[in-house]
Every structure is written in structure tokens, then in C-alpha cells.
Protein backbone atom coordinates (compact mmCIF):
# COMPACT_ATOMS: atom_id res chain seq x y z
CA MET A 1 124.58 5.88 11.66
CA THR A 2 124.04 3.70 14.79
CA GLY A 3 121.44 1.37 14.94
CA GLY A 4 119.17 2.66 17.19
CA VAL A 5 118.91 5.95 15.27
CA GLY A 6 118.58 4.65 11.97
CA LYS A 7 115.86 2.42 13.21
CA ALA A 8 114.44 5.16 14.57
CA ILE A 9 114.59 6.85 10.87
CA GLU A 10 113.01 3.99 9.31
CA ALA A 11 110.28 3.81 11.36
CA LEU A 12 109.68 7.31 10.79
CA ARG A 13 109.63 7.41 6.46
CA TYR A 14 107.63 4.28 7.03
CA ARG A 15 105.13 6.04 9.27
CA THR A 16 105.46 9.16 7.00
CA GLY A 17 104.71 7.36 3.84
CA CYS A 18 108.82 8.20 2.65
CA ASN A 19 109.32 4.30 2.31
CA LEU A 20 106.55 4.25 -0.80
CA PRO A 21 107.25 1.49 -3.27
CA PRO A 22 106.99 2.83 -7.17
CA SER A 23 103.42 3.93 -7.15
CA THR A 24 100.93 1.13 -8.17
CA THR A 25 97.71 2.67 -6.10
CA LEU A 26 95.53 5.48 -6.07
CA PRO A 27 96.85 6.58 -2.81
CA GLN A 28 100.46 5.83 -3.21
CA ARG A 29 100.48 7.54 -6.59
CA LEU A 30 98.47 10.79 -4.63
CA TRP A 31 101.38 10.31 -2.29
CA ALA A 32 104.06 10.82 -5.15
CA ASN A 33 102.68 13.94 -6.63
CA ALA A 34 104.18 17.08 -4.78
CA TYR A 35 101.81 19.56 -6.82
CA LEU A 36 98.83 18.30 -5.28
CA LEU A 37 99.83 17.91 -2.46
CA LEU A 38 101.58 21.28 -2.14
CA THR A 39 97.72 22.32 -3.70
CA LEU A 40 96.10 21.07 -1.04
CA THR A 41 98.65 22.32 1.08
CA THR A 42 97.52 25.70 0.52
CA LEU A 43 93.85 25.56 0.08
CA MET A 44 94.07 24.08 3.81
CA TRP A 45 95.96 27.30 4.62
CA ALA A 46 94.03 29.27 3.37
CA GLY A 47 90.90 27.80 4.95
CA ASN A 48 92.11 29.00 8.28
CA ALA A 49 92.03 32.32 7.17
CA VAL A 50 88.61 31.48 5.99
CA ALA A 51 88.20 30.14 10.40
CA SER A 52 89.33 32.86 11.68
CA ARG A 53 86.44 34.46 10.70
CA MET A 54 83.50 31.53 11.57
CA ALA A 55 85.47 31.18 14.06
CA VAL A 56 83.54 34.78 15.83
CA GLY A 57 80.74 34.20 18.25
CA GLN A 58 81.75 30.38 18.32
CA ILE A 59 84.82 29.84 19.74
CA SER A 60 86.72 32.71 21.27
CA PRO A 61 90.67 33.16 19.88
CA MET A 62 92.41 31.83 22.51
CA ALA A 63 90.15 29.00 23.47
CA LEU A 64 90.73 28.07 19.63
CA THR A 65 94.46 28.57 19.69
CA SER A 66 95.11 26.93 23.04
CA LEU A 67 92.23 23.81 21.96
CA ARG A 68 94.14 23.75 18.48
CA TRP A 69 97.27 23.10 19.87
CA VAL A 70 95.88 20.85 22.82
CA PHE A 71 94.61 18.18 19.99
CA VAL A 72 97.10 18.25 18.05
CA CYS A 73 99.68 17.08 21.30
CA SER A 74 97.46 14.36 22.17
CA ILE A 75 98.17 12.52 19.17
CA LEU A 76 101.72 13.50 17.49
CA PRO A 77 103.98 12.21 20.82
CA LEU A 78 102.23 9.29 21.52
CA LEU A 79 102.66 8.29 16.94
CA LEU A 80 106.37 9.75 17.60
CA ARG A 81 107.55 8.65 21.26
CA ARG A 82 110.13 6.32 20.39
CA GLU A 83 111.36 8.89 17.92
CA LEU A 84 110.82 11.90 20.50
CA LYS A 85 113.46 10.19 22.94
CA ASP A 86 115.64 9.03 20.50
CA TYR A 87 116.44 12.79 19.41
CA ALA A 88 115.71 14.18 22.44
CA PRO A 89 119.45 15.30 23.41
CA VAL A 90 119.24 16.98 20.41
CA LEU A 91 116.47 18.84 20.91
CA PHE A 92 117.37 20.10 24.47
CA LYS A 93 120.65 21.54 22.90
CA HIS A 94 118.05 23.83 20.26
CA ARG A 95 115.63 24.43 23.03
CA TRP A 96 115.49 28.30 23.35
CA LEU A 97 115.37 28.08 19.68
CA ILE A 98 112.56 25.55 19.68
CA VAL A 99 110.62 27.90 22.96
CA ALA A 100 111.27 31.02 20.75
CA LEU A 101 110.15 29.37 17.48
CA GLY A 102 106.87 27.47 19.09
CA THR A 103 106.16 30.94 21.05
CA PHE A 104 106.10 33.69 17.93
CA GLY A 105 106.01 31.11 14.94
CA PHE A 106 102.72 28.80 16.16
CA THR A 107 101.14 30.25 18.99
CA ALA A 108 101.40 33.75 18.82
CA PHE A 109 101.04 33.84 14.65
CA ASN A 110 97.20 31.51 14.95
CA ALA A 111 96.13 33.37 18.22
CA LEU A 112 96.82 37.12 16.28
CA MET A 113 95.12 35.82 13.55
CA TYR A 114 91.94 34.15 15.52
CA ILE A 115 92.04 38.05 16.78
CA ALA A 116 91.89 39.51 13.71
CA GLY A 117 89.45 37.88 12.34
CA TYR A 118 86.66 39.50 14.76
CA SER A 119 87.60 43.39 13.16
CA THR A 120 88.84 42.44 9.32
CA SER A 121 87.57 40.22 6.37
CA ALA A 122 89.13 36.98 5.44
CA ILE A 123 89.42 38.28 2.40
CA ASN A 124 91.94 40.90 3.87
CA ILE A 125 93.78 38.20 5.99
CA GLY A 126 94.57 35.75 2.50
CA ILE A 127 95.67 38.57 0.69
CA LEU A 128 97.83 40.28 4.78
CA GLN A 129 99.78 36.43 4.56
CA GLY A 130 101.13 36.99 1.14
CA SER A 131 103.95 39.46 2.81
CA ILE A 132 105.42 36.80 4.89
CA PRO A 133 107.87 36.29 2.06
CA VAL A 134 108.91 39.46 1.44
CA PHE A 135 108.93 40.22 6.04
CA VAL A 136 111.08 36.70 5.83
CA LEU A 137 113.77 38.30 2.98
CA ILE A 138 113.84 41.15 5.41
CA GLY A 139 114.31 39.02 8.23
CA ALA A 140 117.03 37.03 6.72
CA PHE A 141 119.28 40.72 6.18
CA LEU A 142 118.67 41.56 9.82
CA ALA A 143 119.43 38.31 11.05
CA HIS A 144 121.93 37.06 8.74
CA ARG A 145 123.24 39.86 6.63
CA ALA A 146 122.03 38.74 3.75
CA ARG A 147 122.20 40.59 0.70
CA ILE A 148 119.32 42.33 -1.18
CA GLY A 149 119.78 43.15 -4.43
CA TRP A 150 117.61 46.17 -5.85
CA MET A 151 115.23 43.97 -7.41
CA GLN A 152 114.24 42.41 -4.33
CA ALA A 153 114.14 45.78 -2.56
CA LEU A 154 111.47 46.73 -5.08
CA GLY A 155 109.85 43.66 -4.89
CA VAL A 156 110.06 44.63 -0.99
CA GLY A 157 108.18 47.97 -1.79
CA VAL A 158 106.22 47.03 -3.98
CA THR A 159 104.42 44.56 -1.68
CA MET A 160 104.40 46.77 1.40
CA LEU A 161 102.68 49.32 -1.16
CA GLY A 162 100.01 46.03 -1.29
CA ILE A 163 99.99 45.99 2.45
CA LEU A 164 98.58 49.13 2.45
CA VAL A 165 96.15 49.13 0.15
CA THR A 166 94.60 46.22 1.82
CA ALA A 167 94.55 48.02 5.27
CA SER A 168 93.40 51.27 3.93
CA GLN A 169 91.01 49.78 1.56
CA GLY A 170 92.41 52.02 -0.93
CA ASP A 171 91.59 54.91 0.54
CA ILE A 172 93.42 58.02 0.90
CA HIS A 173 92.57 59.79 3.84
CA ILE A 174 93.13 56.76 5.99
CA LEU A 175 96.25 56.90 5.18
CA GLN A 176 96.66 59.90 6.24
CA HIS A 177 94.69 59.50 9.19
CA PHE A 178 95.67 56.44 10.22
CA THR A 179 93.08 54.88 10.63
CA PHE A 180 92.75 51.56 10.05
CA VAL A 181 90.93 48.97 10.90
CA PRO A 182 92.98 46.89 14.37
CA GLY A 183 92.18 43.75 12.35
CA ASP A 184 94.74 44.46 9.80
CA LEU A 185 97.14 45.49 12.15
CA TRP A 186 96.84 42.37 14.11
CA MET A 187 97.78 40.48 10.80
CA VAL A 188 100.63 41.84 9.45
CA ILE A 189 102.23 41.86 13.57
CA ALA A 190 101.28 38.48 12.66
CA CYS A 191 103.06 37.84 9.61
CA VAL A 192 106.09 39.50 11.09
CA LEU A 193 106.28 36.83 13.25
CA TYR A 194 105.44 34.45 11.03
CA ALA A 195 108.68 35.33 8.64
CA GLY A 196 110.69 35.36 12.51
CA TYR A 197 109.95 31.69 12.41
CA THR A 198 110.56 31.18 8.87
CA VAL A 199 113.73 32.93 9.80
CA GLY A 200 115.01 31.47 12.68
CA LEU A 201 114.13 27.26 10.72
CA ARG A 202 117.20 28.28 9.29
CA SER A 203 119.06 27.16 12.59
CA ARG A 204 117.03 24.01 13.36
CA PRO A 205 118.21 20.68 14.42
CA ALA A 206 118.96 18.40 12.60
CA VAL A 207 116.26 15.97 12.78
CA PRO A 208 113.19 14.64 11.12
CA GLY A 209 110.88 17.21 10.17
CA LEU A 210 108.23 16.28 11.99
CA VAL A 211 109.99 15.24 15.01
CA PHE A 212 110.97 18.81 15.25
CA PHE A 213 107.76 20.41 14.40
CA CYS A 214 106.35 18.06 17.34
CA ALA A 215 108.67 19.87 19.43
CA VAL A 216 107.52 23.17 18.48
CA ALA A 217 103.79 21.70 18.98
CA LEU A 218 104.75 20.86 22.58
CA VAL A 219 106.05 24.48 22.83
CA ALA A 220 103.00 25.84 21.74
CA CYS A 221 100.29 23.96 23.67
CA VAL A 222 101.81 24.94 26.73
CA VAL A 223 102.97 28.60 26.02
CA SER A 224 99.14 28.75 25.48
CA LEU A 225 97.56 27.43 28.23
CA PRO A 226 98.40 31.31 29.92
CA LEU A 227 96.59 32.51 27.53
CA LEU A 228 93.80 30.78 27.59
CA GLY A 229 93.88 31.16 31.13
CA LEU A 230 93.58 34.75 30.67
CA GLU A 231 90.87 34.83 28.65
CA ILE A 232 88.67 32.52 31.44
CA TRP A 233 89.67 34.86 34.41
CA THR A 234 88.73 38.18 31.96
CA GLY A 235 85.28 36.22 31.07
CA THR A 236 85.93 36.53 27.61
CA VAL A 237 86.13 33.29 27.19
CA VAL A 238 84.05 31.52 24.31
CA TRP A 239 83.56 28.14 24.51
CA PRO A 240 82.84 25.93 21.44
CA THR A 241 79.69 26.27 20.33
CA PRO A 242 78.54 22.97 18.35
CA LYS A 243 79.78 25.29 14.96
CA GLY A 244 83.00 25.97 16.81
CA TRP A 245 84.09 21.96 17.41
CA LEU A 246 83.17 21.84 14.04
CA ILE A 247 85.97 25.09 12.94
CA LEU A 248 88.22 23.35 15.66
CA ALA A 249 88.20 20.28 14.20
CA PHE A 250 88.78 21.35 10.72
CA VAL A 251 91.86 23.89 12.11
CA VAL A 252 93.54 20.55 14.48
CA LEU A 253 93.23 18.04 10.87
CA GLY A 254 93.55 20.33 8.26
CA PRO A 255 96.16 23.53 9.41
CA SER A 256 98.19 21.29 12.01
CA LEU A 257 98.24 18.23 10.65
CA LEU A 258 97.42 16.96 6.96
CA ALA A 259 99.13 20.57 5.79
CA GLN A 260 102.36 19.69 7.74
CA LEU A 261 102.70 15.89 6.55
CA PHE A 262 102.07 17.09 3.00
CA PHE A 263 104.17 20.34 3.05
CA MET A 264 107.45 18.18 4.68
CA ARG A 265 106.43 14.91 1.91
CA ALA A 266 106.42 17.97 -0.99
CA VAL A 267 109.64 19.74 0.23
CA GLU A 268 111.00 15.93 0.30
CA LEU A 269 109.96 15.02 -4.06
CA ILE A 270 110.33 18.22 -5.66
CA GLY A 271 112.64 20.21 -2.82
CA PRO A 272 112.33 23.86 -0.29
CA GLY A 273 112.56 26.28 -2.96
CA ARG A 274 110.57 25.04 -5.44
CA ALA A 275 108.04 23.80 -2.55
CA GLY A 276 107.72 27.26 -1.14
CA VAL A 277 106.85 29.20 -3.59
CA PHE A 278 103.43 27.57 -3.50
CA VAL A 279 102.78 29.55 -0.36
CA ASN A 280 102.06 32.33 -2.73
CA LEU A 281 99.09 30.76 -3.19
CA VAL A 282 97.84 31.34 0.52
CA PRO A 283 96.65 34.87 -0.57
CA VAL A 284 95.06 33.36 -3.87
CA PHE A 285 92.77 30.80 -2.32
CA ALA A 286 91.99 33.06 0.88
CA PRO A 287 90.09 35.73 -1.02
CA LEU A 288 87.62 32.60 -3.40
CA LEU A 289 87.33 30.76 0.08
CA ALA A 290 86.12 33.61 1.50
CA VAL A 291 83.69 34.68 -1.54
CA LEU A 292 81.67 31.26 -2.04
CA ILE A 293 81.81 30.07 2.23
CA LEU A 294 81.43 33.20 3.59
CA GLY A 295 79.99 35.19 1.03
CA GLU A 296 82.25 38.41 1.54
CA GLN A 297 82.41 40.73 -0.62
CA LEU A 298 86.24 41.08 -3.57
CA ALA A 299 85.97 44.92 -4.02
CA LEU A 300 89.00 46.65 -6.27
CA TYR A 301 91.27 47.64 -3.89
CA HIS A 302 91.09 44.07 -3.12
CA GLY A 303 92.30 43.06 -6.87
CA LEU A 304 94.84 45.53 -6.93
CA ALA A 305 95.66 44.88 -3.51
CA LEU A 306 97.16 41.24 -4.28
CA ALA A 307 98.34 42.19 -7.82
CA LEU A 308 100.48 44.24 -6.27
CA VAL A 309 101.43 41.82 -3.02
CA LEU A 310 101.99 39.01 -5.81
CA GLY A 311 103.83 41.40 -8.08
CA GLY A 312 106.56 42.30 -5.28
CA ILE A 313 107.14 38.40 -4.45
CA TRP A 314 108.01 37.85 -7.67
CA ILE A 315 110.06 41.08 -8.32
CA ALA A 316 111.93 39.95 -4.91
CA GLU A 317 112.50 36.66 -6.66
CA ARG A 318 114.03 37.61 -9.83
CA ARG A 319 117.72 38.14 -10.38
CA PRO A 320 119.06 40.48 -12.75
CA GLY A 321 119.84 39.23 -15.69
């Protein structure tokens, strides 16, 4: 490793806390607790589902999506300007992958989630997010021919059944006439796109996680600007109200920045496999937050759908003995 790259990595580790000495203070102990960091991460991701509902009438979907990445990209590139310069050749070599991941995984996923908030509940949005690991399994098969065993196939089927229960509100007549709430369908599409982003991460360049995230966020910011322009042109833009600014502040600081830092730190501490299991907490936390913050009502079909989604994921992660 050359001296320049080595110094850049050391600087990045210092900024993200990776070089902390043995825990002696409370902040250091918290930074070394992977399970606490992962719990906070999934709480913030679940909070994003609640934010999509709270944003209705306070800030329009494309304004929230675009301003989210504008503020993120006004902070991170300045903090990582030396690292971005050092790794620029590697990032440029993988530019089309980074463009695709930023477009579909960051911009499209969040834009569709915020659009979904106009016609479906935060509970539904949270439960449907639980389908992402199963869509990742399918995507890995399509992209890399990763083998799907019978247990995994069963898990896929069970999770898909949970999606249908959520979208149909447990009513068989809705399934027969395909009269789903538009927001549920938008959210399913968003989950498919994010699963594609997750599968694409398998081919990510060998650069520090925070540098890679910054590059993808820059793409997301650029791609989101035309969408905001379209919203302005059609006269549907809603600029942030005072409450809208608070929602935007949470989305920027929570799901966009802190959650990313916490998740990367947790992966460093316990590995991607064990850390990834915690993502399954999102469809658990989101309905709870929706009830506590928004006063939404849990129905019996919500419980059934959640059990099917999480049960399907659990089955898909098993290995036949």
C-alpha cells in the first residue's frame, strides 16, 4: 500500500471512529456496541416509512427526495474530499455501476416510498420493506445464477403471500379484482429496485464504505434534480413547511447519514452476515412507530402479513439439515 493511500485510509478511519482505543468512555463503549448501533439503524430506517406519511402536505415527494441528497452532498464530499480524490480513478472505472446504484437504490427507492405515503399507511410501507431480502434472493439468482434451494423457494412463496395479504388488506375480493391501493404497488416496485441495488453491491469497487456511499449519494443528488424540476414544472411541488423542514432534517441526519455510519461500523464489528439479519427489524419497528407517532390502527391482517413476511425470510435463510 502506498503512503498516500495509507494516510487516506487512516484519516477515514479516524473520522469514522475505526481507530478507537479500548473503550474507556461512554461514547467509545457505544461505538463498540454493534447491536445497539444496528438497533438504532433499523429504527431510523423504520422512521423513514413514518416520515413518508408525515410528509404529505408538508413537503412533496420529489422535493423531499432531492433536498435530502442535496444536504447530504453538501456535507460528506467536503469531509471526504481527500479520500474522493485518492480513489477517483477506481470510482471512475466503475462509474456506470455507481450511476445505476445511485439512480435505483437511492433516488428511485426513496422517491417511490414518499409517493407511496400519499395513498397507503406507514404500517404497510414498513411491512412491505420486509420483502427486500427475498427479492435480493431472486435477484441474485437472475444476475449471478446463485442457487435457490427448496427451503429458499418455500421462503420466497411465504413472503410473497405476506405481500399479497398486505396489499389486499386481507380481503380475497381485492385479489380477485386487482384493486390494490396504488401506494402498496409503488412500494413493492421500490423494494424490487432496492433489492437490485443490494445485488449490485456484490460488484462494488474496493474502496472504503464511506467513500463509496458518498459517490453513490452524489449520483442520487444529480439524478433527483430533474425529478424536482418536473415537479416544479407541473405545479405540484410543495416546498417545506416548518414541519416539512423538521421531517427533512430527520431524513438527512437519520436514515441518510447516521444510519449509514452506524451500519458500516456494525458490519466492521460483527461482519455483514450477522449485521444483515437486523434489517428484518425494519418491518417490526415501522408498524410500532406508525401506531405510536401517527396513531395508525393495526388490523388482524397486518399481524398475519408481518408473520408471513418475517416467517418467509426465516425459512429462506435456513439450510436443510
